[in-house]
């Protein structure tokens, strides 16, 4: 997607999984990318070195998505570093499962802060710099509409909120030529869910339920992000796009 060359992006939670794949995919398309991380300094360094070894440019910024000031400061820093901002990918998120009677206020506040509030704060900060053709892409989850086991209340609540946020932002920013869309991945091979079903907090037999008979890769979600970032996707906004291999057919 050559029309992305020379643009600048921020990817939150970009050191691992879908975030890392997105950071690398955009950089391969010629985008200068800043990405945030919290505890994965080693992984963040690997992403930067991989991009630089291929002739791209990337900056890793340590920022807690649950800290509104840090979230906004990271975006301000990226815009200052690159002299512009064209794309924001709100990817940072946490998975938290708990039995309903045991859910605490602290857990509610934490998951909403990271999975929802951070996306809104990020959009507010990015809107100062985005111009016509700008893109905001939120990464949600199929867990917003479909959950195969108990203890999904916290996670499902947080991810479903991104649908309303996306539609509201799309309406607010549409007059400026800025698009806002939501991607809802299904089972993707990340730290949260391994393909063999033997590791990670999502330790359930999902594979038999996927129409394609396999889990997705972070790179496949990253390619969808790249498309939504491009000029070709200029008439798509306020949309929720499912990429789940037919899990919810």
C-alpha atoms as a PDB file:
ATOM      1  CA  UNK A   1       0.000   0.000   0.000  1.00  0.00           C
ATOM      2  CA  UNK A   2       2.362   2.668  -1.303  1.00  0.00           C
ATOM      3  CA  UNK A   3      -0.030   5.489  -0.383  1.00  0.00           C
ATOM      4  CA  UNK A   4       0.911   4.944   3.276  1.00  0.00           C
ATOM      5  CA  UNK A   5       4.548   5.853   2.703  1.00  0.00           C
ATOM      6  CA  UNK A   6       5.662   8.922   4.635  1.00  0.00           C
ATOM      7  CA  UNK A   7       2.770   8.868   7.069  1.00  0.00           C
ATOM      8  CA  UNK A   8       3.093   8.645  10.848  1.00  0.00           C
ATOM      9  CA  UNK A   9       1.254   6.383  13.258  1.00  0.00           C
ATOM     10  CA  UNK A  10       0.875   5.536  16.926  1.00  0.00           C
ATOM     11  CA  UNK A  11       0.071   1.963  17.938  1.00  0.00           C
ATOM     12  CA  UNK A  12      -0.755   1.406  21.589  1.00  0.00           C
ATOM     13  CA  UNK A  13       0.399  -1.862  23.094  1.00  0.00           C
ATOM     14  CA  UNK A  14       2.725  -2.427  20.172  1.00  0.00           C
ATOM     15  CA  UNK A  15       5.417  -4.664  21.613  1.00  0.00           C
ATOM     16  CA  UNK A  16       3.636  -8.025  21.360  1.00  0.00           C
ATOM     17  CA  UNK A  17       0.919  -9.918  19.524  1.00  0.00           C
ATOM     18  CA  UNK A  18      -1.425  -7.978  17.271  1.00  0.00           C
ATOM     19  CA  UNK A  19       0.182  -4.683  18.284  1.00  0.00           C
ATOM     20  CA  UNK A  20       3.676  -5.781  17.279  1.00  0.00           C
ATOM     21  CA  UNK A  21       2.425  -7.262  13.999  1.00  0.00           C
ATOM     22  CA  UNK A  22       0.577  -4.010  13.252  1.00  0.00           C
ATOM     23  CA  UNK A  23       3.611  -1.878  14.055  1.00  0.00           C
ATOM     24  CA  UNK A  24       5.784  -3.961  11.730  1.00  0.00           C
ATOM     25  CA  UNK A  25       3.145  -4.101   8.959  1.00  0.00           C
ATOM     26  CA  UNK A  26       2.702  -0.337   8.912  1.00  0.00           C
ATOM     27  CA  UNK A  27       6.449   0.237   8.998  1.00  0.00           C
ATOM     28  CA  UNK A  28       6.888  -2.125   6.038  1.00  0.00           C
ATOM     29  CA  UNK A  29       4.440   0.099   4.156  1.00  0.00           C
ATOM     30  CA  UNK A  30       6.635   3.131   4.787  1.00  0.00           C
ATOM     31  CA  UNK A  31       4.852   4.507   7.852  1.00  0.00           C
ATOM     32  CA  UNK A  32       6.928   5.969  10.668  1.00  0.00           C
ATOM     33  CA  UNK A  33       5.556   4.295  13.765  1.00  0.00           C
ATOM     34  CA  UNK A  34       5.650   5.076  17.462  1.00  0.00           C
ATOM     35  CA  UNK A  35       4.289   2.379  19.719  1.00  0.00           C
ATOM     36  CA  UNK A  36       3.665   2.133  23.430  1.00  0.00           C
ATOM     37  CA  UNK A  37       4.524  -0.645  25.822  1.00  0.00           C
ATOM     38  CA  UNK A  38       4.444  -1.085  29.582  1.00  0.00           C
ATOM     39  CA  UNK A  39       6.344  -4.104  30.877  1.00  0.00           C
ATOM     40  CA  UNK A  40       7.740  -5.594  27.679  1.00  0.00           C
ATOM     41  CA  UNK A  41      10.915  -3.547  27.195  1.00  0.00           C
ATOM     42  CA  UNK A  42      12.844  -6.449  25.706  1.00  0.00           C
ATOM     43  CA  UNK A  43      10.088  -7.245  23.213  1.00  0.00           C
ATOM     44  CA  UNK A  44       9.764  -3.554  22.353  1.00  0.00           C
ATOM     45  CA  UNK A  45      13.448  -3.375  21.575  1.00  0.00           C
ATOM     46  CA  UNK A  46      13.165  -6.385  19.288  1.00  0.00           C
ATOM     47  CA  UNK A  47      10.339  -4.744  17.338  1.00  0.00           C
ATOM     48  CA  UNK A  48      12.353  -1.532  16.886  1.00  0.00           C
ATOM     49  CA  UNK A  49      15.442  -3.441  15.741  1.00  0.00           C
ATOM     50  CA  UNK A  50      13.441  -5.560  13.309  1.00  0.00           C
ATOM     51  CA  UNK A  51      11.894  -2.486  11.714  1.00  0.00           C
ATOM     52  CA  UNK A  52      15.184  -0.609  11.537  1.00  0.00           C
ATOM     53  CA  UNK A  53      16.915  -3.620   9.986  1.00  0.00           C
ATOM     54  CA  UNK A  54      14.411  -3.385   7.133  1.00  0.00           C
ATOM     55  CA  UNK A  55      14.978   0.323   6.615  1.00  0.00           C
ATOM     56  CA  UNK A  56      11.964   1.560   8.578  1.00  0.00           C
ATOM     57  CA  UNK A  57      11.635   3.917  11.486  1.00  0.00           C
ATOM     58  CA  UNK A  58      10.072   3.089  14.851  1.00  0.00           C
ATOM     59  CA  UNK A  59      10.062   4.615  18.311  1.00  0.00           C
ATOM     60  CA  UNK A  60       9.115   2.723  21.483  1.00  0.00           C
ATOM     61  CA  UNK A  61       7.473   4.776  24.248  1.00  0.00           C
ATOM     62  CA  UNK A  62       6.860   3.387  27.711  1.00  0.00           C
ATOM     63  CA  UNK A  63       3.328   4.390  28.747  1.00  0.00           C
ATOM     64  CA  UNK A  64       0.627   2.803  30.877  1.00  0.00           C
ATOM     65  CA  UNK A  65      -2.656   2.773  28.953  1.00  0.00           C
ATOM     66  CA  UNK A  66      -4.472   3.102  32.289  1.00  0.00           C
ATOM     67  CA  UNK A  67      -2.777   6.471  32.896  1.00  0.00           C
ATOM     68  CA  UNK A  68      -4.595   9.171  30.886  1.00  0.00           C
ATOM     69  CA  UNK A  69      -1.722  11.650  31.142  1.00  0.00           C
ATOM     70  CA  UNK A  70       0.812   9.080  29.956  1.00  0.00           C
ATOM     71  CA  UNK A  71      -1.438   8.028  27.084  1.00  0.00           C
ATOM     72  CA  UNK A  72      -1.871  11.596  25.846  1.00  0.00           C
ATOM     73  CA  UNK A  73       1.804  12.418  26.370  1.00  0.00           C
ATOM     74  CA  UNK A  74       2.855   9.434  24.249  1.00  0.00           C
ATOM     75  CA  UNK A  75       0.771  10.686  21.344  1.00  0.00           C
ATOM     76  CA  UNK A  76       2.052  14.229  21.755  1.00  0.00           C
ATOM     77  CA  UNK A  77       5.610  12.877  21.786  1.00  0.00           C
ATOM     78  CA  UNK A  78       5.073  10.874  18.610  1.00  0.00           C
ATOM     79  CA  UNK A  79       3.552  13.833  16.785  1.00  0.00           C
ATOM     80  CA  UNK A  80       6.489  16.004  17.827  1.00  0.00           C
ATOM     81  CA  UNK A  81       8.999  13.335  16.776  1.00  0.00           C
ATOM     82  CA  UNK A  82       7.510  12.852  13.325  1.00  0.00           C
ATOM     83  CA  UNK A  83       6.128  16.339  12.739  1.00  0.00           C
ATOM     84  CA  UNK A  84       2.690  14.905  11.978  1.00  0.00           C
ATOM     85  CA  UNK A  85       0.224  12.161  12.900  1.00  0.00           C
ATOM     86  CA  UNK A  86      -1.981  10.327  10.434  1.00  0.00           C
ATOM     87  CA  UNK A  87      -2.984   7.041  12.092  1.00  0.00           C
ATOM     88  CA  UNK A  88      -3.882   5.966  15.614  1.00  0.00           C
ATOM     89  CA  UNK A  89      -4.346   2.281  16.389  1.00  0.00           C
ATOM     90  CA  UNK A  90      -5.906   1.753  19.816  1.00  0.00           C
ATOM     91  CA  UNK A  91      -4.712  -1.784  20.441  1.00  0.00           C
ATOM     92  CA  UNK A  92      -3.681  -1.915  24.114  1.00  0.00           C
ATOM     93  CA  UNK A  93      -5.968  -4.165  26.127  1.00  0.00           C
ATOM     94  CA  UNK A  94      -6.143  -6.642  28.956  1.00  0.00           C
ATOM     95  CA  UNK A  95      -8.102  -9.840  29.483  1.00  0.00           C
ATOM     96  CA  UNK A  96      -9.608 -10.248  32.918  1.00  0.00           C
ATOM     97  CA  UNK A  97     -11.969 -13.054  33.935  1.00  0.00           C
ATOM     98  CA  UNK A  98     -13.715 -13.341  37.280  1.00  0.00           C
ATOM     99  CA  UNK A  99     -16.777 -14.990  38.781  1.00  0.00           C
ATOM    100  CA  UNK A 100     -19.611 -12.478  39.007  1.00  0.00           C
ATOM    101  CA  UNK A 101     -19.885 -12.402  42.835  1.00  0.00           C
ATOM    102  CA  UNK A 102     -16.143 -11.830  43.132  1.00  0.00           C
ATOM    103  CA  UNK A 103     -15.818  -8.892  40.738  1.00  0.00           C
ATOM    104  CA  UNK A 104     -14.348  -5.899  42.570  1.00  0.00           C
ATOM    105  CA  UNK A 105     -14.586  -2.198  41.889  1.00  0.00           C
ATOM    106  CA  UNK A 106     -10.845  -2.169  41.339  1.00  0.00           C
ATOM    107  CA  UNK A 107     -11.176  -4.783  38.590  1.00  0.00           C
ATOM    108  CA  UNK A 108     -14.003  -2.872  36.939  1.00  0.00           C
ATOM    109  CA  UNK A 109     -12.024   0.367  37.002  1.00  0.00           C
ATOM    110  CA  UNK A 110      -8.865  -1.298  35.695  1.00  0.00           C
ATOM    111  CA  UNK A 111     -10.404  -3.039  32.695  1.00  0.00           C
ATOM    112  CA  UNK A 112     -12.448   0.000  31.683  1.00  0.00           C
ATOM    113  CA  UNK A 113      -9.401   2.245  32.066  1.00  0.00           C
ATOM    114  CA  UNK A 114      -7.242   0.123  29.767  1.00  0.00           C
ATOM    115  CA  UNK A 115      -9.770  -1.255  27.290  1.00  0.00           C
ATOM    116  CA  UNK A 116     -12.118   1.725  26.920  1.00  0.00           C
ATOM    117  CA  UNK A 117     -10.980   4.981  28.496  1.00  0.00           C
ATOM    118  CA  UNK A 118      -7.518   4.734  26.942  1.00  0.00           C
ATOM    119  CA  UNK A 119      -9.075   4.561  23.472  1.00  0.00           C
ATOM    120  CA  UNK A 120     -11.110   7.696  24.108  1.00  0.00           C
ATOM    121  CA  UNK A 121      -8.156   9.568  25.597  1.00  0.00           C
ATOM    122  CA  UNK A 122      -6.041   8.471  22.662  1.00  0.00           C
ATOM    123  CA  UNK A 123      -8.622   9.715  20.170  1.00  0.00           C
ATOM    124  CA  UNK A 124      -8.855  13.070  21.944  1.00  0.00           C
ATOM    125  CA  UNK A 125      -5.093  13.489  21.864  1.00  0.00           C
ATOM    126  CA  UNK A 126      -4.729  12.326  18.259  1.00  0.00           C
ATOM    127  CA  UNK A 127      -7.564  14.551  17.005  1.00  0.00           C
ATOM    128  CA  UNK A 128      -5.363  17.590  17.634  1.00  0.00           C
ATOM    129  CA  UNK A 129      -3.020  16.411  14.896  1.00  0.00           C
ATOM    130  CA  UNK A 130      -5.101  14.336  12.478  1.00  0.00           C
ATOM    131  CA  UNK A 131      -6.177  15.990   9.243  1.00  0.00           C
ATOM    132  CA  UNK A 132      -8.389  14.917   6.342  1.00  0.00           C
ATOM    133  CA  UNK A 133      -7.498  11.345   5.506  1.00  0.00           C
ATOM    134  CA  UNK A 134      -6.608  10.611   9.124  1.00  0.00           C
ATOM    135  CA  UNK A 135      -7.467   7.225  10.578  1.00  0.00           C
ATOM    136  CA  UNK A 136      -8.384   5.891  14.009  1.00  0.00           C
ATOM    137  CA  UNK A 137      -8.643   2.109  14.277  1.00  0.00           C
ATOM    138  CA  UNK A 138      -9.810   0.450  17.478  1.00  0.00           C
ATOM    139  CA  UNK A 139      -8.980  -3.183  18.185  1.00  0.00           C
ATOM    140  CA  UNK A 140     -11.830  -4.890  20.008  1.00  0.00           C
ATOM    141  CA  UNK A 141     -12.779  -8.540  20.297  1.00  0.00           C
ATOM    142  CA  UNK A 142     -15.451 -10.954  19.208  1.00  0.00           C
ATOM    143  CA  UNK A 143     -15.955 -11.275  22.974  1.00  0.00           C
ATOM    144  CA  UNK A 144     -18.072  -8.154  22.711  1.00  0.00           C
ATOM    145  CA  UNK A 145     -20.872 -10.211  21.127  1.00  0.00           C
ATOM    146  CA  UNK A 146     -20.014 -13.862  21.737  1.00  0.00           C
ATOM    147  CA  UNK A 147     -18.508 -15.546  24.763  1.00  0.00           C
ATOM    148  CA  UNK A 148     -18.238 -19.338  25.033  1.00  0.00           C
ATOM    149  CA  UNK A 149     -17.649 -19.669  28.769  1.00  0.00           C
ATOM    150  CA  UNK A 150     -18.485 -18.073  32.118  1.00  0.00           C
ATOM    151  CA  UNK A 151     -16.478 -15.234  33.656  1.00  0.00           C
ATOM    152  CA  UNK A 152     -16.578 -13.107  30.505  1.00  0.00           C
ATOM    153  CA  UNK A 153     -18.627 -10.261  31.983  1.00  0.00           C
ATOM    154  CA  UNK A 154     -15.781  -7.798  32.566  1.00  0.00           C
ATOM    155  CA  UNK A 155     -14.059  -8.423  29.253  1.00  0.00           C
ATOM    156  CA  UNK A 156     -17.237  -8.514  27.194  1.00  0.00           C
ATOM    157  CA  UNK A 157     -18.484  -5.290  28.781  1.00  0.00           C
ATOM    158  CA  UNK A 158     -15.257  -3.460  28.008  1.00  0.00           C
ATOM    159  CA  UNK A 159     -15.005  -4.646  24.423  1.00  0.00           C
ATOM    160  CA  UNK A 160     -18.660  -3.983  23.607  1.00  0.00           C
ATOM    161  CA  UNK A 161     -18.191  -0.380  24.749  1.00  0.00           C
ATOM    162  CA  UNK A 162     -15.756   0.105  21.872  1.00  0.00           C
ATOM    163  CA  UNK A 163     -18.591  -0.264  19.365  1.00  0.00           C
ATOM    164  CA  UNK A 164     -20.437   2.765  20.726  1.00  0.00           C
ATOM    165  CA  UNK A 165     -17.183   4.676  21.082  1.00  0.00           C
ATOM    166  CA  UNK A 166     -16.267   3.956  17.474  1.00  0.00           C
ATOM    167  CA  UNK A 167     -19.620   5.100  16.125  1.00  0.00           C
ATOM    168  CA  UNK A 168     -19.572   8.258  18.223  1.00  0.00           C
ATOM    169  CA  UNK A 169     -16.049   9.154  17.172  1.00  0.00           C
ATOM    170  CA  UNK A 170     -16.870   8.462  13.527  1.00  0.00           C
ATOM    171  CA  UNK A 171     -19.736  10.934  13.698  1.00  0.00           C
ATOM    172  CA  UNK A 172     -17.719  13.554  15.591  1.00  0.00           C
ATOM    173  CA  UNK A 173     -14.710  13.378  13.277  1.00  0.00           C
ATOM    174  CA  UNK A 174     -16.419  12.656   9.970  1.00  0.00           C
ATOM    175  CA  UNK A 175     -16.769  16.308   9.032  1.00  0.00           C
ATOM    176  CA  UNK A 176     -12.980  16.594   9.150  1.00  0.00           C
ATOM    177  CA  UNK A 177     -12.457  13.688   6.774  1.00  0.00           C
ATOM    178  CA  UNK A 178     -11.190  11.387   9.529  1.00  0.00           C
ATOM    179  CA  UNK A 179     -12.437   7.804   9.633  1.00  0.00           C
ATOM    180  CA  UNK A 180     -12.868   5.664  12.744  1.00  0.00           C
ATOM    181  CA  UNK A 181     -13.383   1.907  12.613  1.00  0.00           C
ATOM    182  CA  UNK A 182     -13.406  -1.109  14.898  1.00  0.00           C
ATOM    183  CA  UNK A 183     -11.864  -4.515  14.235  1.00  0.00           C
ATOM    184  CA  UNK A 184     -13.179  -7.440  16.280  1.00  0.00           C
ATOM    185  CA  UNK A 185     -10.708 -10.327  16.033  1.00  0.00           C
ATOM    186  CA  UNK A 186     -11.755 -13.823  16.913  1.00  0.00           C
ATOM    187  CA  UNK A 187      -9.257 -16.421  18.165  1.00  0.00           C
ATOM    188  CA  UNK A 188      -5.780 -15.199  17.268  1.00  0.00           C
ATOM    189  CA  UNK A 189      -2.520 -16.886  18.231  1.00  0.00           C
ATOM    190  CA  UNK A 190      -1.182 -14.490  20.878  1.00  0.00           C
ATOM    191  CA  UNK A 191      -0.170 -14.632  24.539  1.00  0.00           C
ATOM    192  CA  UNK A 192      -3.866 -14.683  25.396  1.00  0.00           C
ATOM    193  CA  UNK A 193      -4.667 -17.719  23.275  1.00  0.00           C
ATOM    194  CA  UNK A 194      -2.350 -20.385  21.905  1.00  0.00           C
ATOM    195  CA  UNK A 195      -3.476 -22.542  19.009  1.00  0.00           C
ATOM    196  CA  UNK A 196      -3.004 -25.792  20.908  1.00  0.00           C
ATOM    197  CA  UNK A 197      -5.457 -24.626  23.570  1.00  0.00           C
ATOM    198  CA  UNK A 198      -3.042 -25.698  26.297  1.00  0.00           C
ATOM    199  CA  UNK A 199      -1.705 -22.344  27.464  1.00  0.00           C
ATOM    200  CA  UNK A 200      -2.899 -18.868  28.342  1.00  0.00           C
ATOM    201  CA  UNK A 201      -5.940 -17.599  30.225  1.00  0.00           C
ATOM    202  CA  UNK A 202      -8.320 -18.589  27.422  1.00  0.00           C
ATOM    203  CA  UNK A 203      -7.817 -22.323  27.972  1.00  0.00           C
ATOM    204  CA  UNK A 204     -10.845 -23.644  26.106  1.00  0.00           C
ATOM    205  CA  UNK A 205     -11.453 -25.825  23.004  1.00  0.00           C
ATOM    206  CA  UNK A 206     -12.299 -23.092  20.490  1.00  0.00           C
ATOM    207  CA  UNK A 207     -10.670 -24.645  17.439  1.00  0.00           C
ATOM    208  CA  UNK A 208     -13.560 -27.036  16.607  1.00  0.00           C
ATOM    209  CA  UNK A 209     -15.894 -24.025  16.492  1.00  0.00           C
ATOM    210  CA  UNK A 210     -13.901 -22.099  13.864  1.00  0.00           C
ATOM    211  CA  UNK A 211     -15.233 -22.616  10.332  1.00  0.00           C
ATOM    212  CA  UNK A 212     -11.764 -22.359   8.778  1.00  0.00           C
ATOM    213  CA  UNK A 213     -10.405 -24.957  11.167  1.00  0.00           C
ATOM    214  CA  UNK A 214      -7.534 -22.817  12.419  1.00  0.00           C
ATOM    215  CA  UNK A 215      -6.777 -19.776  14.537  1.00  0.00           C
ATOM    216  CA  UNK A 216      -5.824 -16.486  12.954  1.00  0.00           C
ATOM    217  CA  UNK A 217      -2.406 -14.880  13.038  1.00  0.00           C
ATOM    218  CA  UNK A 218      -1.538 -11.393  14.311  1.00  0.00           C
ATOM    219  CA  UNK A 219      -0.263 -10.616  10.811  1.00  0.00           C
ATOM    220  CA  UNK A 220      -3.734 -11.172   9.353  1.00  0.00           C
ATOM    221  CA  UNK A 221      -5.237  -8.589  11.699  1.00  0.00           C
ATOM    222  CA  UNK A 222      -2.338  -6.245  10.965  1.00  0.00           C
ATOM    223  CA  UNK A 223      -3.087  -6.470   7.235  1.00  0.00           C
ATOM    224  CA  UNK A 224      -6.671  -5.423   7.918  1.00  0.00           C
ATOM    225  CA  UNK A 225      -5.394  -2.465   9.946  1.00  0.00           C
ATOM    226  CA  UNK A 226      -3.161  -1.489   7.042  1.00  0.00           C
ATOM    227  CA  UNK A 227      -6.087  -1.594   4.627  1.00  0.00           C
ATOM    228  CA  UNK A 228      -8.279   0.550   6.875  1.00  0.00           C
ATOM    229  CA  UNK A 229      -5.370   2.993   7.152  1.00  0.00           C
ATOM    230  CA  UNK A 230      -5.090   3.346   3.388  1.00  0.00           C
ATOM    231  CA  UNK A 231      -6.764   5.660   0.915  1.00  0.00           C
ATOM    232  CA  UNK A 232      -8.707   2.713  -0.512  1.00  0.00           C
ATOM    233  CA  UNK A 233     -10.715   2.508   2.726  1.00  0.00           C
ATOM    234  CA  UNK A 234     -11.632   6.174   2.718  1.00  0.00           C
ATOM    235  CA  UNK A 235     -15.398   5.567   2.601  1.00  0.00           C
ATOM    236  CA  UNK A 236     -15.452   3.126   5.510  1.00  0.00           C
ATOM    237  CA  UNK A 237     -16.174   4.704   8.876  1.00  0.00           C
ATOM    238  CA  UNK A 238     -18.111   3.804  12.003  1.00  0.00           C
ATOM    239  CA  UNK A 239     -17.871   0.167  10.936  1.00  0.00           C
ATOM    240  CA  UNK A 240     -17.311  -2.936  13.025  1.00  0.00           C
ATOM    241  CA  UNK A 241     -15.368  -5.507  11.039  1.00  0.00           C
ATOM    242  CA  UNK A 242     -15.236  -9.085  12.290  1.00  0.00           C
ATOM    243  CA  UNK A 243     -12.203 -11.241  11.575  1.00  0.00           C
ATOM    244  CA  UNK A 244     -12.903 -14.521  13.345  1.00  0.00           C
ATOM    245  CA  UNK A 245     -12.426 -17.310  10.808  1.00  0.00           C
ATOM    246  CA  UNK A 246     -16.160 -18.053  10.876  1.00  0.00           C
ATOM    247  CA  UNK A 247     -16.335 -18.586  14.634  1.00  0.00           C
ATOM    248  CA  UNK A 248     -19.671 -16.819  14.896  1.00  0.00           C
ATOM    249  CA  UNK A 249     -21.363 -18.125  11.751  1.00  0.00           C
END
